[in-house]
Protein backbone atom coordinates (compact mmCIF):
# COMPACT_ATOMS: atom_id res chain seq x y z
CA MET A 1 -36.81 -13.40 25.77
CA LEU A 2 -36.70 -15.08 22.35
CA ARG A 3 -36.95 -11.68 20.66
CA THR A 4 -34.03 -10.33 22.71
CA SER A 5 -31.90 -13.37 21.83
CA LEU A 6 -32.66 -12.95 18.13
CA ILE A 7 -31.72 -9.28 18.23
CA LYS A 8 -28.40 -10.06 19.97
CA TYR A 9 -27.69 -12.89 17.53
CA SER A 10 -28.45 -10.64 14.55
CA ALA A 11 -26.15 -7.94 15.93
CA VAL A 12 -23.27 -10.44 16.32
CA ILE A 13 -23.73 -11.71 12.75
CA LEU A 14 -23.79 -8.13 11.43
CA LEU A 15 -20.60 -7.30 13.36
CA LEU A 16 -18.79 -10.40 12.07
CA THR A 17 -19.90 -9.76 8.50
CA THR A 18 -18.71 -6.15 8.71
CA THR A 19 -15.33 -7.22 10.14
CA ILE A 20 -14.74 -9.86 7.47
CA THR A 21 -15.79 -7.46 4.73
CA GLY A 22 -13.40 -4.80 6.08
CA CYS A 23 -10.43 -7.20 5.92
CA GLU A 24 -11.32 -8.34 2.42
CA VAL A 25 -11.59 -4.75 1.26
CA LEU A 26 -8.10 -3.96 2.60
CA GLN A 27 -6.56 -6.91 0.75
CA ARG A 28 -8.33 -6.12 -2.51
CA THR A 29 -7.64 -2.42 -2.22
CA LEU A 30 -3.89 -2.81 -2.50
CA GLU A 31 -4.21 -4.09 -6.06
CA GLN A 32 -7.39 -2.33 -7.13
CA GLU A 33 -6.95 1.20 -5.84
CA GLU A 34 -4.93 3.97 -7.43
CA MET A 35 -1.51 4.78 -6.02
CA ASN A 36 0.62 7.89 -6.48
CA VAL A 37 4.21 6.77 -7.06
CA TYR A 38 7.14 8.72 -5.60
CA PHE A 39 10.80 7.95 -6.25
CA TYR A 40 13.68 9.43 -4.22
CA THR A 41 17.24 9.64 -5.51
CA PRO A 42 20.19 8.99 -3.20
CA GLU A 43 20.50 12.79 -2.88
CA GLY A 44 16.93 13.00 -1.59
CA GLU A 45 15.39 14.49 -4.74
CA GLU A 46 11.71 13.56 -5.02
CA GLN A 47 10.43 12.50 -8.43
CA TYR A 48 6.72 11.96 -8.98
CA LEU A 49 6.28 9.03 -11.37
CA GLY A 50 2.51 9.22 -11.76
CA VAL A 51 -0.52 7.16 -10.86
CA VAL A 52 -0.79 3.39 -11.16
CA ARG A 53 -3.40 0.85 -10.11
CA GLY A 54 -2.16 -1.39 -7.29
CA ILE A 55 0.90 -1.95 -5.14
CA SER A 56 2.51 -4.37 -7.61
CA LEU A 57 2.53 -1.81 -10.43
CA CYS A 58 3.89 0.81 -8.05
CA ARG A 59 6.79 -1.47 -7.13
CA SER A 60 7.43 -2.22 -10.80
CA ALA A 61 7.45 1.48 -11.69
CA VAL A 62 10.11 2.35 -9.12
CA LEU A 63 12.28 -0.63 -10.04
CA ASP A 64 12.10 0.42 -13.70
CA LYS A 65 13.09 3.98 -12.75
CA ALA A 66 16.03 2.76 -10.67
CA LYS A 67 17.26 0.55 -13.51
CA LEU A 68 16.90 3.42 -15.99
CA LEU A 69 19.11 5.59 -13.75
CA ASN A 70 21.55 2.72 -13.12
CA PHE A 71 20.90 2.81 -9.38
CA GLU A 72 21.76 -0.29 -7.40
CA GLY A 73 19.85 -1.77 -4.48
CA ASN A 74 16.17 -2.34 -3.91
CA GLY A 75 15.05 0.96 -2.39
CA GLY A 76 13.87 -0.72 0.80
CA MET A 77 11.50 -2.99 -1.09
CA PRO A 78 10.44 -6.09 0.83
CA ALA A 79 12.54 -9.17 0.01
CA ASN A 80 9.71 -11.27 -1.44
CA PRO A 81 6.63 -9.05 -1.44
CA LYS A 82 3.30 -10.79 -1.74
CA LYS A 83 0.86 -9.25 -4.17
CA ASN A 84 -1.49 -8.01 -1.45
CA GLU A 85 1.09 -7.36 1.25
CA GLN A 86 0.76 -4.00 2.93
CA ILE A 87 4.08 -2.64 4.14
CA LEU A 88 4.08 0.78 5.70
CA ALA A 89 6.82 3.11 4.53
CA ASN A 90 8.65 4.02 7.71
CA GLU A 91 12.13 4.51 9.12
CA SER A 92 12.88 0.76 9.18
CA ASN A 93 12.57 0.24 5.42
CA THR A 94 13.58 3.51 3.77
CA GLY A 95 16.17 1.91 1.51
CA GLY A 96 19.26 2.94 3.44
CA PRO A 97 21.67 5.45 1.88
CA GLY A 98 20.60 4.76 -1.72
CA TRP A 99 17.38 5.43 -3.57
CA THR A 100 13.99 4.79 -2.05
CA TYR A 101 10.31 5.20 -2.85
CA HIS A 102 6.81 5.09 -1.53
CA CYS A 103 3.42 4.29 -2.94
CA CYS A 104 0.72 6.67 -1.75
CA TRP A 105 -2.70 5.10 -1.47
CA LYS A 106 -4.87 7.61 -3.32
CA THR A 107 -8.52 8.23 -2.43
CA VAL A 108 -11.14 10.71 -3.62
CA THR A 109 -10.37 13.00 -0.67
CA ASP A 110 -6.68 12.29 -0.02
CA THR A 111 -3.68 12.10 -2.37
CA CYS A 112 -1.76 10.03 0.19
CA LYS A 113 -4.06 8.23 2.61
CA GLU A 114 -1.22 5.91 3.58
CA LYS A 115 2.41 5.54 2.49
CA LEU A 116 3.23 1.97 1.47
CA LYS A 117 6.25 0.04 0.23
């Protein structure tokens, strides 16, 4: 009985540790992983801006590009993005009729694991 309880207890601790680690990895990943940066003009032309490390640098790259081209607006960027905030690029935040962008979370096997804003 004691052995069975210890096994169950160990399994619960392992599960909790794995869950916490998974959440921490997601938060760290947004700033530590490589991102492919895509910029879209108001006409819908896609421009690949390259690879950066982290969501903050991706956002900076597209804002710099928009300023260089004298485009107004924020491209659907979150109002006050937190450094580790994950915002999926979807219909609700495409940037409206102006320019827009997305940051593609790059992995070893996938050039765009997830589109982020």
